[in-house]
Amino acid sequence: MNIHKKESIIWISISAAILVISILALVGYHTRLTILTQSVMELEGSKNVWAQREAELTLEIADLQAQIEQNAELIKAFPSNNPEIINSLKQQGLNGGLQEIVDDLIKHSELIPYQGVLGGKMDFYSKEDIFVISDRWVLAYFEDGHIGGNILLEYRIKNKNISWKVIDSYLFE
């Protein structure tokens, strides 16, 4: 009986150990399952936020595309794209057209009626910021690297030479 009792105790101990290990494994799996469920819920929430942001951006893109289409119409009508202005310049002897006017203005920083600050020199630094708006007028941005402004100029072409006259100018505040 003593051996039988020992075997019973061993089997009970083994069964209890298996039961404890199983319970611990189940608790561990349950904890992991709970953590994963929370993670899935958080990811679903993030997914919804990103889906909403995507919808907002899609609307913004549509608005921007509509603006581009509207601006395309304005660009077509902008004076620098007007063949009459280009023909007028050719009749006055400028075969380079609008670019020739821009290139000439770049050489005339003395037309800017403001002094540079902090050691800067006022000049027309960017050809992209000079707009030939008619066969007589140019609007140009100038700056010294610290402050800048716009200037409206009248130009005349005589014997393929361009003369300039300042109509108005201002500094940005």
N, C-alpha and C. Protein backbone atom coordinates (compact mmCIF):
# COMPACT_ATOMS: atom_id res chain seq x y z
N MET A 1 0.77 -1.18 0.00
CA MET A 1 0.00 0.00 0.00
C MET A 1 0.83 1.27 0.00
N ASN A 2 1.91 1.11 0.57
CA ASN A 2 2.80 2.23 0.64
C ASN A 2 3.25 2.66 -0.75
N ILE A 3 3.52 1.71 -1.62
CA ILE A 3 3.92 2.00 -3.00
C ILE A 3 2.72 2.54 -3.76
N HIS A 4 1.60 1.97 -3.52
CA HIS A 4 0.40 2.43 -4.19
C HIS A 4 0.09 3.86 -3.77
N LYS A 5 0.28 4.17 -2.52
CA LYS A 5 0.03 5.51 -2.01
C LYS A 5 1.02 6.49 -2.63
N LYS A 6 2.28 6.08 -2.76
CA LYS A 6 3.31 6.93 -3.36
C LYS A 6 2.99 7.17 -4.83
N GLU A 7 2.55 6.11 -5.51
CA GLU A 7 2.17 6.27 -6.93
C GLU A 7 1.00 7.24 -7.06
N SER A 8 0.06 7.13 -6.16
CA SER A 8 -1.10 8.02 -6.19
C SER A 8 -0.65 9.45 -5.96
N ILE A 9 0.23 9.66 -5.01
CA ILE A 9 0.73 11.00 -4.72
C ILE A 9 1.50 11.54 -5.93
N ILE A 10 2.31 10.71 -6.55
CA ILE A 10 3.07 11.12 -7.74
C ILE A 10 2.12 11.50 -8.86
N TRP A 11 1.11 10.62 -9.10
CA TRP A 11 0.13 10.93 -10.16
C TRP A 11 -0.66 12.20 -9.84
N ILE A 12 -1.02 12.38 -8.62
CA ILE A 12 -1.76 13.58 -8.22
C ILE A 12 -0.85 14.81 -8.39
N SER A 13 0.42 14.66 -7.98
CA SER A 13 1.38 15.77 -8.11
C SER A 13 1.60 16.11 -9.57
N ILE A 14 1.78 15.08 -10.41
CA ILE A 14 1.97 15.30 -11.85
C ILE A 14 0.72 15.94 -12.44
N SER A 15 -0.44 15.41 -12.05
CA SER A 15 -1.70 15.96 -12.56
C SER A 15 -1.86 17.42 -12.10
N ALA A 16 -1.51 17.70 -10.84
CA ALA A 16 -1.60 19.07 -10.33
C ALA A 16 -0.62 19.98 -11.07
N ALA A 17 0.59 19.50 -11.33
CA ALA A 17 1.59 20.29 -12.04
C ALA A 17 1.11 20.58 -13.47
N ILE A 18 0.56 19.55 -14.13
CA ILE A 18 0.03 19.73 -15.48
C ILE A 18 -1.11 20.73 -15.46
N LEU A 19 -1.98 20.61 -14.43
CA LEU A 19 -3.12 21.54 -14.30
C LEU A 19 -2.62 22.97 -14.07
N VAL A 20 -1.62 23.17 -13.20
CA VAL A 20 -1.08 24.50 -12.92
C VAL A 20 -0.42 25.06 -14.18
N ILE A 21 0.35 24.25 -14.87
CA ILE A 21 1.01 24.69 -16.10
C ILE A 21 -0.03 25.04 -17.15
N SER A 22 -1.06 24.25 -17.27
CA SER A 22 -2.14 24.53 -18.23
C SER A 22 -2.84 25.83 -17.88
N ILE A 23 -3.12 26.03 -16.59
CA ILE A 23 -3.78 27.27 -16.15
C ILE A 23 -2.88 28.47 -16.45
N LEU A 24 -1.60 28.35 -16.14
CA LEU A 24 -0.66 29.43 -16.43
C LEU A 24 -0.58 29.71 -17.93
N ALA A 25 -0.55 28.67 -18.73
CA ALA A 25 -0.52 28.84 -20.19
C ALA A 25 -1.79 29.53 -20.67
N LEU A 26 -2.94 29.10 -20.14
CA LEU A 26 -4.22 29.71 -20.53
C LEU A 26 -4.26 31.18 -20.11
N VAL A 27 -3.79 31.49 -18.91
CA VAL A 27 -3.75 32.89 -18.45
C VAL A 27 -2.83 33.70 -19.35
N GLY A 28 -1.66 33.15 -19.70
CA GLY A 28 -0.72 33.83 -20.60
C GLY A 28 -1.34 34.08 -21.97
N TYR A 29 -1.98 33.07 -22.53
CA TYR A 29 -2.64 33.23 -23.83
C TYR A 29 -3.77 34.24 -23.74
N HIS A 30 -4.51 34.19 -22.64
CA HIS A 30 -5.62 35.14 -22.46
C HIS A 30 -5.08 36.57 -22.37
N THR A 31 -3.97 36.77 -21.66
CA THR A 31 -3.35 38.09 -21.54
C THR A 31 -2.88 38.57 -22.92
N ARG A 32 -2.22 37.70 -23.64
CA ARG A 32 -1.77 38.06 -24.99
C ARG A 32 -2.94 38.38 -25.90
N LEU A 33 -4.00 37.58 -25.78
CA LEU A 33 -5.20 37.81 -26.59
C LEU A 33 -5.81 39.17 -26.26
N THR A 34 -5.85 39.52 -24.98
CA THR A 34 -6.38 40.81 -24.56
C THR A 34 -5.53 41.95 -25.11
N ILE A 35 -4.21 41.82 -25.01
CA ILE A 35 -3.29 42.84 -25.54
C ILE A 35 -3.46 42.97 -27.04
N LEU A 36 -3.52 41.85 -27.75
CA LEU A 36 -3.70 41.89 -29.21
C LEU A 36 -5.05 42.50 -29.59
N THR A 37 -6.07 42.20 -28.83
CA THR A 37 -7.40 42.77 -29.09
C THR A 37 -7.35 44.29 -28.92
N GLN A 38 -6.69 44.76 -27.88
CA GLN A 38 -6.54 46.21 -27.68
C GLN A 38 -5.74 46.84 -28.83
N SER A 39 -4.68 46.16 -29.24
CA SER A 39 -3.87 46.67 -30.36
C SER A 39 -4.69 46.76 -31.63
N VAL A 40 -5.49 45.74 -31.89
CA VAL A 40 -6.36 45.75 -33.08
C VAL A 40 -7.34 46.91 -33.01
N MET A 41 -7.90 47.14 -31.83
CA MET A 41 -8.86 48.24 -31.68
C MET A 41 -8.17 49.59 -31.90
N GLU A 42 -6.96 49.75 -31.38
CA GLU A 42 -6.21 50.98 -31.58
C GLU A 42 -5.89 51.18 -33.06
N LEU A 43 -5.48 50.10 -33.72
CA LEU A 43 -5.17 50.18 -35.15
C LEU A 43 -6.42 50.49 -35.97
N GLU A 44 -7.55 49.95 -35.59
CA GLU A 44 -8.81 50.27 -36.27
C GLU A 44 -9.13 51.75 -36.11
N GLY A 45 -8.91 52.27 -34.89
CA GLY A 45 -9.12 53.70 -34.65
C GLY A 45 -8.19 54.54 -35.51
N SER A 46 -6.92 54.15 -35.58
CA SER A 46 -5.96 54.86 -36.42
C SER A 46 -6.37 54.78 -37.88
N LYS A 47 -6.83 53.61 -38.28
CA LYS A 47 -7.27 53.41 -39.67
C LYS A 47 -8.41 54.37 -39.99
N ASN A 48 -9.34 54.53 -39.07
CA ASN A 48 -10.47 55.44 -39.28
C ASN A 48 -9.99 56.89 -39.39
N VAL A 49 -9.04 57.27 -38.53
CA VAL A 49 -8.49 58.62 -38.57
C VAL A 49 -7.81 58.86 -39.92
N TRP A 50 -7.02 57.88 -40.36
CA TRP A 50 -6.31 58.03 -41.64
C TRP A 50 -7.29 58.03 -42.81
N ALA A 51 -8.34 57.26 -42.73
CA ALA A 51 -9.35 57.25 -43.79
C ALA A 51 -10.03 58.61 -43.87
N GLN A 52 -10.32 59.19 -42.71
CA GLN A 52 -10.93 60.53 -42.69
C GLN A 52 -9.95 61.55 -43.27
N ARG A 53 -8.68 61.46 -42.89
CA ARG A 53 -7.66 62.39 -43.42
C ARG A 53 -7.51 62.22 -44.92
N GLU A 54 -7.57 60.98 -45.39
CA GLU A 54 -7.48 60.72 -46.82
C GLU A 54 -8.65 61.38 -47.55
N ALA A 55 -9.85 61.28 -46.99
CA ALA A 55 -11.02 61.90 -47.60
C ALA A 55 -10.86 63.41 -47.65
N GLU A 56 -10.35 64.01 -46.55
CA GLU A 56 -10.12 65.45 -46.52
C GLU A 56 -9.10 65.87 -47.59
N LEU A 57 -8.01 65.11 -47.69
CA LEU A 57 -6.98 65.42 -48.68
C LEU A 57 -7.50 65.24 -50.10
N THR A 58 -8.34 64.24 -50.31
CA THR A 58 -8.92 64.03 -51.63
C THR A 58 -9.77 65.23 -52.03
N LEU A 59 -10.55 65.76 -51.09
CA LEU A 59 -11.34 66.96 -51.36
C LEU A 59 -10.42 68.16 -51.63
N GLU A 60 -9.36 68.27 -50.86
CA GLU A 60 -8.42 69.37 -51.06
C GLU A 60 -7.76 69.29 -52.43
N ILE A 61 -7.41 68.08 -52.85
CA ILE A 61 -6.82 67.88 -54.18
C ILE A 61 -7.81 68.30 -55.26
N ALA A 62 -9.06 67.91 -55.09
CA ALA A 62 -10.09 68.29 -56.07
C ALA A 62 -10.22 69.81 -56.14
N ASP A 63 -10.20 70.47 -54.98
CA ASP A 63 -10.27 71.94 -54.95
C ASP A 63 -9.07 72.56 -55.65
N LEU A 64 -7.89 72.03 -55.39
CA LEU A 64 -6.68 72.56 -56.01
C LEU A 64 -6.70 72.34 -57.53
N GLN A 65 -7.20 71.20 -57.96
CA GLN A 65 -7.30 70.95 -59.40
C GLN A 65 -8.27 71.93 -60.05
N ALA A 66 -9.35 72.26 -59.36
CA ALA A 66 -10.30 73.24 -59.88
C ALA A 66 -9.63 74.61 -59.97
N GLN A 67 -8.83 74.95 -58.97
CA GLN A 67 -8.11 76.22 -59.00
C GLN A 67 -7.11 76.26 -60.14
N ILE A 68 -6.44 75.15 -60.37
CA ILE A 68 -5.48 75.07 -61.47
C ILE A 68 -6.19 75.33 -62.80
N GLU A 69 -7.35 74.72 -62.97
CA GLU A 69 -8.10 74.93 -64.20
C GLU A 69 -8.51 76.40 -64.35
N GLN A 70 -8.95 77.02 -63.25
CA GLN A 70 -9.30 78.44 -63.30
C GLN A 70 -8.08 79.29 -63.63
N ASN A 71 -6.95 78.97 -62.98
CA ASN A 71 -5.72 79.73 -63.23
C ASN A 71 -5.21 79.52 -64.65
N ALA A 72 -5.44 78.35 -65.21
CA ALA A 72 -5.01 78.10 -66.58
C ALA A 72 -5.71 79.08 -67.53
N GLU A 73 -6.96 79.35 -67.26
CA GLU A 73 -7.70 80.32 -68.08
C GLU A 73 -7.09 81.71 -67.92
N LEU A 74 -6.72 82.07 -66.70
CA LEU A 74 -6.09 83.37 -66.46
C LEU A 74 -4.74 83.46 -67.16
N ILE A 75 -3.99 82.37 -67.09
CA ILE A 75 -2.66 82.36 -67.71
C ILE A 75 -2.78 82.53 -69.22
N LYS A 76 -3.77 81.88 -69.82
CA LYS A 76 -3.97 82.04 -71.26
C LYS A 76 -4.25 83.49 -71.62
N ALA A 77 -4.98 84.17 -70.73
CA ALA A 77 -5.36 85.55 -70.99
C ALA A 77 -4.29 86.54 -70.53
N PHE A 78 -3.26 86.08 -69.80
CA PHE A 78 -2.24 86.99 -69.28
C PHE A 78 -1.52 87.66 -70.45
N PRO A 79 -1.22 88.95 -70.32
CA PRO A 79 -0.65 89.70 -71.44
C PRO A 79 0.62 89.10 -72.03
N SER A 80 1.46 88.48 -71.22
CA SER A 80 2.70 87.94 -71.77
C SER A 80 2.45 86.80 -72.76
N ASN A 81 1.26 86.23 -72.72
CA ASN A 81 0.91 85.17 -73.66
C ASN A 81 0.10 85.71 -74.84
N ASN A 82 -0.05 87.01 -74.87
CA ASN A 82 -0.85 87.65 -75.91
C ASN A 82 0.00 87.83 -77.17
N PRO A 83 -0.38 87.21 -78.27
CA PRO A 83 0.42 87.33 -79.50
C PRO A 83 0.49 88.76 -80.03
N GLU A 84 -0.50 89.58 -79.71
CA GLU A 84 -0.47 90.97 -80.18
C GLU A 84 0.69 91.73 -79.54
N ILE A 85 0.94 91.47 -78.26
CA ILE A 85 2.05 92.14 -77.58
C ILE A 85 3.37 91.67 -78.19
N ILE A 86 3.50 90.38 -78.40
CA ILE A 86 4.73 89.84 -78.98
C ILE A 86 4.94 90.40 -80.38
N ASN A 87 3.87 90.49 -81.18
CA ASN A 87 3.99 91.07 -82.53
C ASN A 87 4.37 92.54 -82.45
N SER A 88 3.80 93.27 -81.49
CA SER A 88 4.14 94.68 -81.32
C SER A 88 5.62 94.85 -80.99
N LEU A 89 6.14 93.99 -80.14
CA LEU A 89 7.56 94.05 -79.79
C LEU A 89 8.44 93.75 -81.00
N LYS A 90 8.04 92.78 -81.79
CA LYS A 90 8.80 92.45 -83.01
C LYS A 90 8.81 93.63 -83.97
N GLN A 91 7.66 94.31 -84.09
CA GLN A 91 7.59 95.48 -84.97
C GLN A 91 8.50 96.60 -84.48
N GLN A 92 8.73 96.62 -83.16
CA GLN A 92 9.61 97.63 -82.61
C GLN A 92 11.07 97.20 -82.61
N GLY A 93 11.35 96.03 -83.16
CA GLY A 93 12.72 95.58 -83.33
C GLY A 93 13.24 94.60 -82.30
N LEU A 94 12.37 94.11 -81.43
CA LEU A 94 12.82 93.13 -80.43
C LEU A 94 12.44 91.73 -80.88
N ASN A 95 13.40 91.02 -81.40
CA ASN A 95 13.12 89.65 -81.85
C ASN A 95 13.11 88.66 -80.69
N GLY A 96 13.75 89.05 -79.56
CA GLY A 96 13.76 88.19 -78.39
C GLY A 96 12.49 88.30 -77.58
N GLY A 97 11.64 89.23 -77.97
CA GLY A 97 10.34 89.37 -77.33
C GLY A 97 10.44 89.71 -75.86
N LEU A 98 9.57 89.11 -75.09
CA LEU A 98 9.46 89.42 -73.67
C LEU A 98 10.75 89.14 -72.91
N GLN A 99 11.44 88.08 -73.27
CA GLN A 99 12.67 87.72 -72.57
C GLN A 99 13.72 88.81 -72.73
N GLU A 100 13.74 89.46 -73.88
CA GLU A 100 14.69 90.54 -74.12
C GLU A 100 14.41 91.72 -73.18
N ILE A 101 13.15 91.99 -72.93
CA ILE A 101 12.78 93.06 -72.00
C ILE A 101 13.20 92.69 -70.58
N VAL A 102 12.91 91.47 -70.18
CA VAL A 102 13.31 91.01 -68.84
C VAL A 102 14.82 91.07 -68.68
N ASP A 103 15.54 90.58 -69.67
CA ASP A 103 17.01 90.58 -69.60
C ASP A 103 17.56 92.00 -69.49
N ASP A 104 16.93 92.96 -70.20
CA ASP A 104 17.39 94.34 -70.13
C ASP A 104 17.12 94.93 -68.74
N LEU A 105 15.94 94.67 -68.19
CA LEU A 105 15.61 95.22 -66.87
C LEU A 105 16.57 94.71 -65.80
N ILE A 106 16.96 93.46 -65.88
CA ILE A 106 17.90 92.87 -64.90
C ILE A 106 19.18 93.72 -64.82
N LYS A 107 19.56 94.36 -65.89
CA LYS A 107 20.79 95.16 -65.93
C LYS A 107 20.61 96.54 -65.30
N HIS A 108 19.40 96.90 -64.90
CA HIS A 108 19.13 98.27 -64.44
C HIS A 108 18.64 98.34 -63.00
N SER A 109 19.44 97.85 -62.08
CA SER A 109 19.05 97.92 -60.67
C SER A 109 19.02 99.36 -60.16
N GLU A 110 19.65 100.29 -60.89
CA GLU A 110 19.62 101.69 -60.48
C GLU A 110 18.21 102.28 -60.53
N LEU A 111 17.29 101.61 -61.19
CA LEU A 111 15.90 102.08 -61.25
C LEU A 111 15.16 101.89 -59.92
N ILE A 112 15.68 101.02 -59.07
CA ILE A 112 15.03 100.74 -57.79
C ILE A 112 15.30 101.92 -56.85
N PRO A 113 14.24 102.61 -56.40
CA PRO A 113 14.43 103.84 -55.63
C PRO A 113 14.64 103.63 -54.12
N TYR A 114 15.16 102.50 -53.73
CA TYR A 114 15.38 102.21 -52.31
C TYR A 114 16.79 101.69 -52.12
N GLN A 115 17.35 101.99 -50.96
CA GLN A 115 18.68 101.49 -50.60
C GLN A 115 18.54 100.15 -49.89
N GLY A 116 19.51 99.30 -50.07
CA GLY A 116 19.52 98.03 -49.36
C GLY A 116 19.80 98.26 -47.88
N VAL A 117 19.49 97.28 -47.08
CA VAL A 117 19.74 97.35 -45.64
C VAL A 117 20.69 96.23 -45.23
N LEU A 118 21.35 96.44 -44.11
CA LEU A 118 22.24 95.43 -43.52
C LEU A 118 23.28 94.93 -44.53
N GLY A 119 23.76 95.85 -45.36
CA GLY A 119 24.80 95.50 -46.33
C GLY A 119 24.26 94.89 -47.62
N GLY A 120 22.96 94.77 -47.75
CA GLY A 120 22.39 94.19 -48.97
C GLY A 120 22.32 95.21 -50.09
N LYS A 121 22.20 94.73 -51.33
CA LYS A 121 22.09 95.60 -52.50
C LYS A 121 20.77 95.28 -53.20
N MET A 122 19.94 96.32 -53.38
CA MET A 122 18.68 96.13 -54.08
C MET A 122 18.95 95.74 -55.52
N ASP A 123 18.23 94.71 -55.97
CA ASP A 123 18.40 94.25 -57.35
C ASP A 123 17.21 93.39 -57.75
N PHE A 124 17.14 93.13 -59.04
CA PHE A 124 16.16 92.19 -59.59
C PHE A 124 16.88 90.85 -59.68
N TYR A 125 16.69 90.00 -58.68
CA TYR A 125 17.47 88.76 -58.59
C TYR A 125 16.84 87.58 -59.33
N SER A 126 15.55 87.67 -59.62
CA SER A 126 14.88 86.51 -60.21
C SER A 126 14.10 86.93 -61.45
N LYS A 127 14.46 86.34 -62.58
CA LYS A 127 13.72 86.62 -63.82
C LYS A 127 12.26 86.17 -63.72
N GLU A 128 12.01 85.15 -62.89
CA GLU A 128 10.65 84.63 -62.74
C GLU A 128 9.74 85.62 -62.01
N ASP A 129 10.34 86.63 -61.36
CA ASP A 129 9.56 87.64 -60.63
C ASP A 129 9.43 88.94 -61.40
N ILE A 130 9.71 88.89 -62.70
CA ILE A 130 9.54 90.05 -63.57
C ILE A 130 8.45 89.70 -64.57
N PHE A 131 7.40 90.54 -64.59
CA PHE A 131 6.24 90.26 -65.42
C PHE A 131 6.03 91.38 -66.43
N VAL A 132 6.13 91.04 -67.70
CA VAL A 132 5.81 91.99 -68.75
C VAL A 132 4.30 91.94 -68.88
N ILE A 133 3.63 93.03 -68.46
CA ILE A 133 2.16 92.98 -68.42
C ILE A 133 1.51 93.64 -69.62
N SER A 134 2.28 94.35 -70.43
CA SER A 134 1.75 94.90 -71.67
C SER A 134 2.92 95.28 -72.56
N ASP A 135 2.61 95.89 -73.69
CA ASP A 135 3.68 96.33 -74.57
C ASP A 135 4.27 97.67 -74.11
N ARG A 136 3.93 98.09 -72.87
CA ARG A 136 4.46 99.33 -72.30
C ARG A 136 4.88 99.18 -70.83
N TRP A 137 4.35 98.20 -70.11
CA TRP A 137 4.55 98.14 -68.67
C TRP A 137 5.14 96.81 -68.21
N VAL A 138 5.90 96.93 -67.13
CA VAL A 138 6.51 95.77 -66.49
C VAL A 138 6.29 95.90 -64.98
N LEU A 139 5.93 94.81 -64.34
CA LEU A 139 5.84 94.73 -62.89
C LEU A 139 6.96 93.80 -62.44
N ALA A 140 7.80 94.28 -61.52
CA ALA A 140 8.95 93.47 -61.11
C ALA A 140 9.11 93.47 -59.59
N TYR A 141 9.55 92.36 -59.07
CA TYR A 141 9.89 92.22 -57.66
C TYR A 141 11.38 92.49 -57.50
N PHE A 142 11.73 93.24 -56.48
CA PHE A 142 13.14 93.50 -56.18
C PHE A 142 13.37 93.22 -54.70
N GLU A 143 14.64 93.02 -54.34
CA GLU A 143 15.00 92.77 -52.94
C GLU A 143 16.49 92.94 -52.75
N ASP A 144 16.87 92.96 -51.48
CA ASP A 144 18.29 93.01 -51.15
C ASP A 144 18.72 91.79 -50.32
N GLY A 145 17.83 90.83 -50.16
CA GLY A 145 18.10 89.67 -49.32
C GLY A 145 17.50 89.81 -47.93
N HIS A 146 17.06 91.03 -47.59
CA HIS A 146 16.47 91.27 -46.28
C HIS A 146 15.05 91.84 -46.41
N ILE A 147 14.91 92.81 -47.31
CA ILE A 147 13.61 93.42 -47.57
C ILE A 147 13.39 93.44 -49.07
N GLY A 148 12.13 93.56 -49.47
CA GLY A 148 11.83 93.58 -50.90
C GLY A 148 10.58 94.37 -51.17
N GLY A 149 10.28 94.52 -52.45
CA GLY A 149 9.09 95.25 -52.85
C GLY A 149 8.79 95.02 -54.32
N ASN A 150 7.85 95.79 -54.82
CA ASN A 150 7.47 95.72 -56.22
C ASN A 150 7.66 97.09 -56.85
N ILE A 151 7.89 97.05 -58.14
CA ILE A 151 8.06 98.29 -58.90
C ILE A 151 7.31 98.15 -60.22
N LEU A 152 6.59 99.19 -60.58
CA LEU A 152 5.87 99.24 -61.85
C LEU A 152 6.64 100.19 -62.75
N LEU A 153 7.03 99.70 -63.92
CA LEU A 153 7.86 100.49 -64.83
C LEU A 153 7.18 100.62 -66.19
N GLU A 154 7.46 101.72 -66.83
CA GLU A 154 7.07 101.91 -68.23
C GLU A 154 8.33 101.75 -69.05
N TYR A 155 8.20 101.11 -70.19
CA TYR A 155 9.36 100.98 -71.06
C TYR A 155 8.99 101.43 -72.47
N ARG A 156 9.99 101.92 -73.15
CA ARG A 156 9.85 102.34 -74.55
C ARG A 156 11.00 101.73 -75.34
N ILE A 157 10.69 101.40 -76.56
CA ILE A 157 11.71 100.81 -77.42
C ILE A 157 11.96 101.78 -78.57
N LYS A 158 13.22 102.14 -78.73
CA LYS A 158 13.59 103.03 -79.83
C LYS A 158 14.92 102.55 -80.38
N ASN A 159 14.95 102.26 -81.66
CA ASN A 159 16.16 101.76 -82.31
C ASN A 159 16.72 100.53 -81.58
N LYS A 160 15.83 99.63 -81.21
CA LYS A 160 16.17 98.39 -80.51
C LYS A 160 16.75 98.62 -79.12
N ASN A 161 16.70 99.86 -78.61
CA ASN A 161 17.14 100.17 -77.26
C ASN A 161 15.92 100.37 -76.39
N ILE A 162 16.01 99.89 -75.16
CA ILE A 162 14.89 99.98 -74.23
C ILE A 162 15.21 101.06 -73.21
N SER A 163 14.28 102.00 -73.06
CA SER A 163 14.43 103.02 -72.01
C SER A 163 13.36 102.76 -70.95
N TRP A 164 13.70 103.09 -69.71
CA TRP A 164 12.84 102.76 -68.58
C TRP A 164 12.43 104.01 -67.81
N LYS A 165 11.20 103.96 -67.27
CA LYS A 165 10.70 105.04 -66.42
C LYS A 165 9.92 104.38 -65.28
N VAL A 166 10.24 104.78 -64.04
CA VAL A 166 9.53 104.26 -62.87
C VAL A 166 8.19 104.94 -62.77
N ILE A 167 7.12 104.16 -62.69
CA ILE A 167 5.78 104.70 -62.50
C ILE A 167 5.45 104.72 -61.00
N ASP A 168 5.70 103.61 -60.31
CA ASP A 168 5.42 103.53 -58.88
C ASP A 168 6.21 102.36 -58.30
N SER A 169 6.41 102.42 -56.98
CA SER A 169 7.11 101.32 -56.30
C SER A 169 6.76 101.37 -54.81
N TYR A 170 7.00 100.25 -54.16
CA TYR A 170 6.77 100.20 -52.71
C TYR A 170 7.55 99.04 -52.13
N LEU A 171 7.86 99.20 -50.83
CA LEU A 171 8.50 98.13 -50.07
C LEU A 171 7.45 97.36 -49.30
N PHE A 172 7.66 96.06 -49.14
CA PHE A 172 6.75 95.27 -48.31
C PHE A 172 6.99 95.61 -46.85
N GLU A 173 5.92 95.70 -46.09
CA GLU A 173 6.07 96.01 -44.66
C GLU A 173 6.12 94.76 -43.84
